[in-house]
Amino acid sequence: MEMYFKRMKDEWTGLVEQADPLIRAKAAEIAVAHAHYLSIEFYRIVRIDPHAEEFLE
């Protein structure tokens, strides 16, 4: 499982690094402005996904 997480992390890191810096900055701004709502929505979705539990441990 550890290798799976590393592969996922590396894949997402690569995708983020390819994004235009202005888009990354705007996404960060939006995430900060809406952090509370985004965290609520994230956990709402994760709790109903039968495969997500393993990622929260």
PDB file of N, CA and C in Angstrom:
ATOM      1  N   MET A   1       0.829  -1.192   0.000  1.00  0.00           N
ATOM      2  CA  MET A   1       0.000   0.000   0.000  1.00  0.00           C
ATOM      3  C   MET A   1       0.874   1.258   0.000  1.00  0.00           C
ATOM      4  N   GLU A   2       2.012   1.167   0.676  1.00  0.00           N
ATOM      5  CA  GLU A   2       2.907   2.323   0.748  1.00  0.00           C
ATOM      6  C   GLU A   2       3.387   2.752  -0.639  1.00  0.00           C
ATOM      7  N   MET A   3       3.690   1.783  -1.478  1.00  0.00           N
ATOM      8  CA  MET A   3       4.117   2.103  -2.852  1.00  0.00           C
ATOM      9  C   MET A   3       2.986   2.758  -3.636  1.00  0.00           C
ATOM     10  N   TYR A   4       1.771   2.300  -3.398  1.00  0.00           N
ATOM     11  CA  TYR A   4       0.603   2.881  -4.069  1.00  0.00           C
ATOM     12  C   TYR A   4       0.473   4.358  -3.704  1.00  0.00           C
ATOM     13  N   PHE A   5       0.587   4.665  -2.409  1.00  0.00           N
ATOM     14  CA  PHE A   5       0.493   6.056  -1.967  1.00  0.00           C
ATOM     15  C   PHE A   5       1.615   6.902  -2.557  1.00  0.00           C
ATOM     16  N   LYS A   6       2.811   6.347  -2.604  1.00  0.00           N
ATOM     17  CA  LYS A   6       3.934   7.089  -3.188  1.00  0.00           C
ATOM     18  C   LYS A   6       3.674   7.370  -4.660  1.00  0.00           C
ATOM     19  N   ARG A   7       3.180   6.379  -5.374  1.00  0.00           N
ATOM     20  CA  ARG A   7       2.897   6.563  -6.794  1.00  0.00           C
ATOM     21  C   ARG A   7       1.813   7.626  -6.998  1.00  0.00           C
ATOM     22  N   MET A   8       0.764   7.575  -6.175  1.00  0.00           N
ATOM     23  CA  MET A   8      -0.297   8.584  -6.271  1.00  0.00           C
ATOM     24  C   MET A   8       0.249   9.979  -5.975  1.00  0.00           C
ATOM     25  N   LYS A   9       1.046  10.082  -4.916  1.00  0.00           N
ATOM     26  CA  LYS A   9       1.622  11.375  -4.549  1.00  0.00           C
ATOM     27  C   LYS A   9       2.490  11.912  -5.674  1.00  0.00           C
ATOM     28  N   ASP A  10       3.341  11.064  -6.222  1.00  0.00           N
ATOM     29  CA  ASP A  10       4.223  11.487  -7.311  1.00  0.00           C
ATOM     30  C   ASP A  10       3.421  11.933  -8.534  1.00  0.00           C
ATOM     31  N   GLU A  11       2.352  11.197  -8.836  1.00  0.00           N
ATOM     32  CA  GLU A  11       1.517  11.556  -9.987  1.00  0.00           C
ATOM     33  C   GLU A  11       0.857  12.919  -9.788  1.00  0.00           C
ATOM     34  N   TRP A  12       0.272  13.136  -8.606  1.00  0.00           N
ATOM     35  CA  TRP A  12      -0.385  14.416  -8.335  1.00  0.00           C
ATOM     36  C   TRP A  12       0.628  15.558  -8.264  1.00  0.00           C
ATOM     37  N   THR A  13       1.790  15.300  -7.676  1.00  0.00           N
ATOM     38  CA  THR A  13       2.825  16.330  -7.610  1.00  0.00           C
ATOM     39  C   THR A  13       3.240  16.752  -9.011  1.00  0.00           C
ATOM     40  N   GLY A  14       3.420  15.786  -9.896  1.00  0.00           N
ATOM     41  CA  GLY A  14       3.774  16.092 -11.281  1.00  0.00           C
ATOM     42  C   GLY A  14       2.709  16.909 -11.984  1.00  0.00           C
ATOM     43  N   LEU A  15       1.447  16.557 -11.764  1.00  0.00           N
ATOM     44  CA  LEU A  15       0.355  17.309 -12.391  1.00  0.00           C
ATOM     45  C   LEU A  15       0.306  18.750 -11.879  1.00  0.00           C
ATOM     46  N   VAL A  16       0.474  18.915 -10.578  1.00  0.00           N
ATOM     47  CA  VAL A  16       0.446  20.264  -9.998  1.00  0.00           C
ATOM     48  C   VAL A  16       1.609  21.093 -10.524  1.00  0.00           C
ATOM     49  N   GLU A  17       2.774  20.493 -10.614  1.00  0.00           N
ATOM     50  CA  GLU A  17       3.953  21.220 -11.092  1.00  0.00           C
ATOM     51  C   GLU A  17       3.817  21.647 -12.551  1.00  0.00           C
ATOM     52  N   GLN A  18       3.018  20.933 -13.327  1.00  0.00           N
ATOM     53  CA  GLN A  18       2.810  21.279 -14.733  1.00  0.00           C
ATOM     54  C   GLN A  18       1.821  22.431 -14.915  1.00  0.00           C
ATOM     55  N   ALA A  19       1.037  22.711 -13.899  1.00  0.00           N
ATOM     56  CA  ALA A  19       0.028  23.764 -13.999  1.00  0.00           C
ATOM     57  C   ALA A  19       0.691  25.136 -14.040  1.00  0.00           C
ATOM     58  N   ASP A  20       0.079  26.034 -14.771  1.00  0.00           N
ATOM     59  CA  ASP A  20       0.556  27.412 -14.863  1.00  0.00           C
ATOM     60  C   ASP A  20       0.591  28.031 -13.459  1.00  0.00           C
ATOM     61  N   PRO A  21       1.660  28.749 -13.106  1.00  0.00           N
ATOM     62  CA  PRO A  21       1.762  29.353 -11.771  1.00  0.00           C
ATOM     63  C   PRO A  21       0.587  30.271 -11.421  1.00  0.00           C
ATOM     64  N   LEU A  22       0.038  30.984 -12.394  1.00  0.00           N
ATOM     65  CA  LEU A  22      -1.117  31.846 -12.108  1.00  0.00           C
ATOM     66  C   LEU A  22      -2.345  31.019 -11.742  1.00  0.00           C
ATOM     67  N   ILE A  23      -2.513  29.895 -12.397  1.00  0.00           N
ATOM     68  CA  ILE A  23      -3.636  29.013 -12.079  1.00  0.00           C
ATOM     69  C   ILE A  23      -3.442  28.406 -10.695  1.00  0.00           C
ATOM     70  N   ARG A  24      -2.215  28.007 -10.388  1.00  0.00           N
ATOM     71  CA  ARG A  24      -1.938  27.456  -9.060  1.00  0.00           C
ATOM     72  C   ARG A  24      -2.212  28.490  -7.978  1.00  0.00           C
ATOM     73  N   ALA A  25      -1.812  29.727  -8.216  1.00  0.00           N
ATOM     74  CA  ALA A  25      -2.036  30.792  -7.234  1.00  0.00           C
ATOM     75  C   ALA A  25      -3.528  31.048  -7.049  1.00  0.00           C
ATOM     76  N   LYS A  26      -4.279  31.075  -8.142  1.00  0.00           N
ATOM     77  CA  LYS A  26      -5.724  31.311  -8.053  1.00  0.00           C
ATOM     78  C   LYS A  26      -6.408  30.149  -7.336  1.00  0.00           C
ATOM     79  N   ALA A  27      -5.994  28.917  -7.646  1.00  0.00           N
ATOM     80  CA  ALA A  27      -6.565  27.747  -6.974  1.00  0.00           C
ATOM     81  C   ALA A  27      -6.286  27.801  -5.470  1.00  0.00           C
ATOM     82  N   ALA A  28      -5.083  28.207  -5.096  1.00  0.00           N
ATOM     83  CA  ALA A  28      -4.736  28.329  -3.678  1.00  0.00           C
ATOM     84  C   ALA A  28      -5.584  29.406  -3.012  1.00  0.00           C
ATOM     85  N   GLU A  29      -5.786  30.512  -3.700  1.00  0.00           N
ATOM     86  CA  GLU A  29      -6.613  31.604  -3.173  1.00  0.00           C
ATOM     87  C   GLU A  29      -8.049  31.128  -2.938  1.00  0.00           C
ATOM     88  N   ILE A  30      -8.596  30.423  -3.907  1.00  0.00           N
ATOM     89  CA  ILE A  30      -9.962  29.900  -3.784  1.00  0.00           C
ATOM     90  C   ILE A  30     -10.041  28.884  -2.643  1.00  0.00           C
ATOM     91  N   ALA A  31      -9.039  28.011  -2.550  1.00  0.00           N
ATOM     92  CA  ALA A  31      -9.028  26.998  -1.492  1.00  0.00           C
ATOM     93  C   ALA A  31      -8.989  27.635  -0.107  1.00  0.00           C
ATOM     94  N   VAL A  32      -8.191  28.667   0.056  1.00  0.00           N
ATOM     95  CA  VAL A  32      -8.113  29.350   1.356  1.00  0.00           C
ATOM     96  C   VAL A  32      -9.438  30.043   1.670  1.00  0.00           C
ATOM     97  N   ALA A  33     -10.002  30.710   0.678  1.00  0.00           N
ATOM     98  CA  ALA A  33     -11.253  31.444   0.883  1.00  0.00           C
ATOM     99  C   ALA A  33     -12.418  30.513   1.220  1.00  0.00           C
ATOM    100  N   HIS A  34     -12.372  29.296   0.721  1.00  0.00           N
ATOM    101  CA  HIS A  34     -13.493  28.369   0.894  1.00  0.00           C
ATOM    102  C   HIS A  34     -13.086  27.099   1.643  1.00  0.00           C
ATOM    103  N   ALA A  35     -12.055  27.184   2.452  1.00  0.00           N
ATOM    104  CA  ALA A  35     -11.499  26.005   3.125  1.00  0.00           C
ATOM    105  C   ALA A  35     -12.531  25.270   3.975  1.00  0.00           C
ATOM    106  N   HIS A  36     -13.323  25.998   4.715  1.00  0.00           N
ATOM    107  CA  HIS A  36     -14.304  25.345   5.590  1.00  0.00           C
ATOM    108  C   HIS A  36     -15.302  24.533   4.770  1.00  0.00           C
ATOM    109  N   TYR A  37     -15.894  25.146   3.776  1.00  0.00           N
ATOM    110  CA  TYR A  37     -16.859  24.445   2.927  1.00  0.00           C
ATOM    111  C   TYR A  37     -16.196  23.260   2.217  1.00  0.00           C
ATOM    112  N   LEU A  38     -14.997  23.458   1.689  1.00  0.00           N
ATOM    113  CA  LEU A  38     -14.310  22.381   0.968  1.00  0.00           C
ATOM    114  C   LEU A  38     -14.021  21.191   1.883  1.00  0.00           C
ATOM    115  N   SER A  39     -13.644  21.453   3.128  1.00  0.00           N
ATOM    116  CA  SER A  39     -13.374  20.342   4.048  1.00  0.00           C
ATOM    117  C   SER A  39     -14.657  19.590   4.387  1.00  0.00           C
ATOM    118  N   ILE A  40     -15.746  20.305   4.584  1.00  0.00           N
ATOM    119  CA  ILE A  40     -17.033  19.650   4.849  1.00  0.00           C
ATOM    120  C   ILE A  40     -17.441  18.789   3.663  1.00  0.00           C
ATOM    121  N   GLU A  41     -17.335  19.328   2.477  1.00  0.00           N
ATOM    122  CA  GLU A  41     -17.713  18.592   1.266  1.00  0.00           C
ATOM    123  C   GLU A  41     -16.799  17.377   1.055  1.00  0.00           C
ATOM    124  N   PHE A  42     -15.512  17.558   1.284  1.00  0.00           N
ATOM    125  CA  PHE A  42     -14.565  16.449   1.143  1.00  0.00           C
ATOM    126  C   PHE A  42     -14.969  15.277   2.031  1.00  0.00           C
ATOM    127  N   TYR A  43     -15.192  15.547   3.317  1.00  0.00           N
ATOM    128  CA  TYR A  43     -15.520  14.461   4.236  1.00  0.00           C
ATOM    129  C   TYR A  43     -16.913  13.900   3.988  1.00  0.00           C
ATOM    130  N   ARG A  44     -17.830  14.697   3.505  1.00  0.00           N
ATOM    131  CA  ARG A  44     -19.156  14.188   3.147  1.00  0.00           C
ATOM    132  C   ARG A  44     -19.016  13.128   2.055  1.00  0.00           C
ATOM    133  N   ILE A  45     -18.218  13.422   1.056  1.00  0.00           N
ATOM    134  CA  ILE A  45     -18.023  12.493  -0.057  1.00  0.00           C
ATOM    135  C   ILE A  45     -17.228  11.270   0.384  1.00  0.00           C
ATOM    136  N   VAL A  46     -16.174  11.492   1.149  1.00  0.00           N
ATOM    137  CA  VAL A  46     -15.318  10.387   1.584  1.00  0.00           C
ATOM    138  C   VAL A  46     -16.096   9.405   2.462  1.00  0.00           C
ATOM    139  N   ARG A  47     -16.968   9.913   3.315  1.00  0.00           N
ATOM    140  CA  ARG A  47     -17.709   9.025   4.222  1.00  0.00           C
ATOM    141  C   ARG A  47     -18.657   8.083   3.492  1.00  0.00           C
ATOM    142  N   ILE A  48     -19.125   8.459   2.310  1.00  0.00           N
ATOM    143  CA  ILE A  48     -20.051   7.581   1.583  1.00  0.00           C
ATOM    144  C   ILE A  48     -19.338   6.689   0.571  1.00  0.00           C
ATOM    145  N   ASP A  49     -18.042   6.883   0.406  1.00  0.00           N
ATOM    146  CA  ASP A  49     -17.269   6.066  -0.533  1.00  0.00           C
ATOM    147  C   ASP A  49     -16.732   4.838   0.207  1.00  0.00           C
ATOM    148  N   PRO A  50     -17.180   3.631  -0.167  1.00  0.00           N
ATOM    149  CA  PRO A  50     -16.745   2.438   0.562  1.00  0.00           C
ATOM    150  C   PRO A  50     -15.249   2.137   0.422  1.00  0.00           C
ATOM    151  N   HIS A  51     -14.586   2.721  -0.547  1.00  0.00           N
ATOM    152  CA  HIS A  51     -13.160   2.457  -0.749  1.00  0.00           C
ATOM    153  C   HIS A  51     -12.265   3.538  -0.141  1.00  0.00           C
ATOM    154  N   ALA A  52     -12.852   4.607   0.345  1.00  0.00           N
ATOM    155  CA  ALA A  52     -12.062   5.740   0.822  1.00  0.00           C
ATOM    156  C   ALA A  52     -11.509   5.551   2.227  1.00  0.00           C
ATOM    157  N   GLU A  53     -12.126   4.711   3.010  1.00  0.00           N
ATOM    158  CA  GLU A  53     -11.713   4.556   4.407  1.00  0.00           C
ATOM    159  C   GLU A  53     -10.228   4.233   4.536  1.00  0.00           C
ATOM    160  N   GLU A  54      -9.713   3.395   3.657  1.00  0.00           N
ATOM    161  CA  GLU A  54      -8.306   3.008   3.745  1.00  0.00           C
ATOM    162  C   GLU A  54      -7.361   4.191   3.561  1.00  0.00           C
ATOM    163  N   PHE A  55      -7.817   5.260   2.907  1.00  0.00           N
ATOM    164  CA  PHE A  55      -6.970   6.426   2.681  1.00  0.00           C
ATOM    165  C   PHE A  55      -6.978   7.379   3.869  1.00  0.00           C
ATOM    166  N   LEU A  56      -7.883   7.182   4.796  1.00  0.00           N
ATOM    167  CA  LEU A  56      -8.003   8.079   5.940  1.00  0.00           C
ATOM    168  C   LEU A  56      -7.295   7.558   7.181  1.00  0.00           C
ATOM    169  N   GLU A  57      -6.716   6.402   7.099  1.00  0.00           N
ATOM    170  CA  GLU A  57      -6.036   5.831   8.265  1.00  0.00           C
ATOM    171  C   GLU A  57      -4.627   6.333   8.379  1.00  0.00           C
TER     172      GLU A  57
END
